């Protein structure tokens, strides 16, 4: 690990271990993907659970393209959509919100 990454990780580590992450049950892998890599939470959770976009779309009875749209950086799905995504992933909306 380069010095720059070590320094950044050292600075961010307390955030990853924050009370919010512990109380909402967000796995370390999901938190790191979101915070360090900038991966949107929907994608981070989906990949952590080993689910493809197509599988998630099938669970929600929508298209894979819709899932891709929700996973784009800066996407802002409606609360009801986030609730449906969370249910399809088997997590709570609070865990998905991060």
C-alpha atoms as a PDB file:
ATOM      1  CA  UNK A   1       0.000   0.000   0.000  1.00  0.00           C
ATOM      2  CA  UNK A   2       1.460   3.360  -0.989  1.00  0.00           C
ATOM      3  CA  UNK A   3       2.055   6.040   1.615  1.00  0.00           C
ATOM      4  CA  UNK A   4      -0.740   8.185   0.167  1.00  0.00           C
ATOM      5  CA  UNK A   5      -3.252   5.335   0.460  1.00  0.00           C
ATOM      6  CA  UNK A   6      -2.057   4.489   3.968  1.00  0.00           C
ATOM      7  CA  UNK A   7      -2.497   8.093   5.018  1.00  0.00           C
ATOM      8  CA  UNK A   8      -5.967   8.281   3.454  1.00  0.00           C
ATOM      9  CA  UNK A   9      -7.002   4.967   5.006  1.00  0.00           C
ATOM     10  CA  UNK A  10      -5.715   6.066   8.427  1.00  0.00           C
ATOM     11  CA  UNK A  11      -7.775   9.236   8.134  1.00  0.00           C
ATOM     12  CA  UNK A  12     -10.910   7.398   7.032  1.00  0.00           C
ATOM     13  CA  UNK A  13     -10.691   4.361   9.308  1.00  0.00           C
ATOM     14  CA  UNK A  14     -12.540   6.027  12.211  1.00  0.00           C
ATOM     15  CA  UNK A  15     -15.399   6.804   9.831  1.00  0.00           C
ATOM     16  CA  UNK A  16     -15.583   3.181   8.796  1.00  0.00           C
ATOM     17  CA  UNK A  17     -15.803   2.063  12.393  1.00  0.00           C
ATOM     18  CA  UNK A  18     -18.245   4.777  13.393  1.00  0.00           C
ATOM     19  CA  UNK A  19     -21.213   4.074  15.611  1.00  0.00           C
ATOM     20  CA  UNK A  20     -23.582   4.438  12.662  1.00  0.00           C
ATOM     21  CA  UNK A  21     -21.903   1.606  10.786  1.00  0.00           C
ATOM     22  CA  UNK A  22     -21.991  -0.585  13.864  1.00  0.00           C
ATOM     23  CA  UNK A  23     -25.632   0.100  14.724  1.00  0.00           C
ATOM     24  CA  UNK A  24     -26.958  -0.277  11.193  1.00  0.00           C
ATOM     25  CA  UNK A  25     -24.928  -3.403  10.487  1.00  0.00           C
ATOM     26  CA  UNK A  26     -23.007  -2.265   7.426  1.00  0.00           C
ATOM     27  CA  UNK A  27     -20.213  -4.724   6.626  1.00  0.00           C
ATOM     28  CA  UNK A  28     -16.682  -3.352   6.455  1.00  0.00           C
ATOM     29  CA  UNK A  29     -16.417  -4.356   2.786  1.00  0.00           C
ATOM     30  CA  UNK A  30     -19.508  -2.300   1.876  1.00  0.00           C
ATOM     31  CA  UNK A  31     -18.344   0.720   3.872  1.00  0.00           C
ATOM     32  CA  UNK A  32     -14.861   0.618   2.320  1.00  0.00           C
ATOM     33  CA  UNK A  33     -16.236   0.300  -1.219  1.00  0.00           C
ATOM     34  CA  UNK A  34     -18.490   3.285  -0.638  1.00  0.00           C
ATOM     35  CA  UNK A  35     -16.061   5.543   1.239  1.00  0.00           C
ATOM     36  CA  UNK A  36     -12.713   4.661  -0.315  1.00  0.00           C
ATOM     37  CA  UNK A  37     -13.748   3.762  -3.860  1.00  0.00           C
ATOM     38  CA  UNK A  38     -16.805   5.990  -4.220  1.00  0.00           C
ATOM     39  CA  UNK A  39     -19.007   3.029  -5.112  1.00  0.00           C
ATOM     40  CA  UNK A  40     -22.713   3.857  -4.742  1.00  0.00           C
ATOM     41  CA  UNK A  41     -24.298   2.006  -1.803  1.00  0.00           C
ATOM     42  CA  UNK A  42     -26.720   0.030  -3.963  1.00  0.00           C
ATOM     43  CA  UNK A  43     -23.856  -1.372  -6.021  1.00  0.00           C
ATOM     44  CA  UNK A  44     -21.626  -1.923  -2.976  1.00  0.00           C
ATOM     45  CA  UNK A  45     -24.345  -3.976  -1.268  1.00  0.00           C
ATOM     46  CA  UNK A  46     -25.260  -5.866  -4.430  1.00  0.00           C
ATOM     47  CA  UNK A  47     -21.658  -6.840  -5.106  1.00  0.00           C
ATOM     48  CA  UNK A  48     -21.086  -7.735  -1.443  1.00  0.00           C
ATOM     49  CA  UNK A  49     -24.058 -10.091  -1.601  1.00  0.00           C
ATOM     50  CA  UNK A  50     -22.860 -11.598  -4.890  1.00  0.00           C
ATOM     51  CA  UNK A  51     -25.951 -10.569  -6.846  1.00  0.00           C
ATOM     52  CA  UNK A  52     -25.835  -9.405 -10.470  1.00  0.00           C
ATOM     53  CA  UNK A  53     -27.800  -6.440 -11.746  1.00  0.00           C
ATOM     54  CA  UNK A  54     -29.977  -8.872 -13.705  1.00  0.00           C
ATOM     55  CA  UNK A  55     -30.728 -10.923 -10.575  1.00  0.00           C
ATOM     56  CA  UNK A  56     -31.639  -7.823  -8.587  1.00  0.00           C
ATOM     57  CA  UNK A  57     -33.809  -6.583 -11.448  1.00  0.00           C
ATOM     58  CA  UNK A  58     -35.602  -9.929 -11.578  1.00  0.00           C
ATOM     59  CA  UNK A  59     -36.257  -9.817  -7.824  1.00  0.00           C
ATOM     60  CA  UNK A  60     -37.789  -6.358  -8.264  1.00  0.00           C
ATOM     61  CA  UNK A  61     -39.596  -7.142 -11.536  1.00  0.00           C
ATOM     62  CA  UNK A  62     -37.844  -4.286 -13.359  1.00  0.00           C
ATOM     63  CA  UNK A  63     -35.176  -4.106 -16.052  1.00  0.00           C
ATOM     64  CA  UNK A  64     -31.437  -4.474 -15.586  1.00  0.00           C
ATOM     65  CA  UNK A  65     -31.081  -1.033 -17.187  1.00  0.00           C
ATOM     66  CA  UNK A  66     -33.151   0.454 -14.353  1.00  0.00           C
ATOM     67  CA  UNK A  67     -30.793  -1.081 -11.799  1.00  0.00           C
ATOM     68  CA  UNK A  68     -27.816   0.337 -13.701  1.00  0.00           C
ATOM     69  CA  UNK A  69     -29.472   3.758 -13.575  1.00  0.00           C
ATOM     70  CA  UNK A  70     -29.999   3.511  -9.798  1.00  0.00           C
ATOM     71  CA  UNK A  71     -26.340   2.527  -9.335  1.00  0.00           C
ATOM     72  CA  UNK A  72     -24.888   5.490 -11.205  1.00  0.00           C
ATOM     73  CA  UNK A  73     -22.904   7.927  -9.049  1.00  0.00           C
ATOM     74  CA  UNK A  74     -25.163  10.815  -8.121  1.00  0.00           C
ATOM     75  CA  UNK A  75     -28.390   8.856  -8.742  1.00  0.00           C
ATOM     76  CA  UNK A  76     -31.182   9.750  -6.333  1.00  0.00           C
ATOM     77  CA  UNK A  77     -33.850   7.042  -6.404  1.00  0.00           C
ATOM     78  CA  UNK A  78     -37.104   7.812  -4.611  1.00  0.00           C
ATOM     79  CA  UNK A  79     -37.535   6.601  -1.062  1.00  0.00           C
ATOM     80  CA  UNK A  80     -40.093   3.990  -2.132  1.00  0.00           C
ATOM     81  CA  UNK A  81     -37.639   2.683  -4.727  1.00  0.00           C
ATOM     82  CA  UNK A  82     -34.872   2.519  -2.105  1.00  0.00           C
ATOM     83  CA  UNK A  83     -37.227   0.579   0.175  1.00  0.00           C
ATOM     84  CA  UNK A  84     -37.938  -1.883  -2.655  1.00  0.00           C
ATOM     85  CA  UNK A  85     -34.233  -2.266  -3.431  1.00  0.00           C
ATOM     86  CA  UNK A  86     -33.445  -2.867   0.238  1.00  0.00           C
ATOM     87  CA  UNK A  87     -36.173  -5.520   0.462  1.00  0.00           C
ATOM     88  CA  UNK A  88     -34.883  -7.222  -2.702  1.00  0.00           C
ATOM     89  CA  UNK A  89     -31.372  -7.276  -1.222  1.00  0.00           C
ATOM     90  CA  UNK A  90     -32.642  -8.567   2.136  1.00  0.00           C
ATOM     91  CA  UNK A  91     -31.386  -5.552   4.067  1.00  0.00           C
ATOM     92  CA  UNK A  92     -33.029  -2.598   5.795  1.00  0.00           C
ATOM     93  CA  UNK A  93     -33.445   0.814   4.165  1.00  0.00           C
ATOM     94  CA  UNK A  94     -31.161   2.233   6.887  1.00  0.00           C
ATOM     95  CA  UNK A  95     -28.393  -0.164   5.854  1.00  0.00           C
ATOM     96  CA  UNK A  96     -28.819   0.853   2.232  1.00  0.00           C
ATOM     97  CA  UNK A  97     -28.738   4.555   3.080  1.00  0.00           C
ATOM     98  CA  UNK A  98     -25.435   4.109   4.870  1.00  0.00           C
END
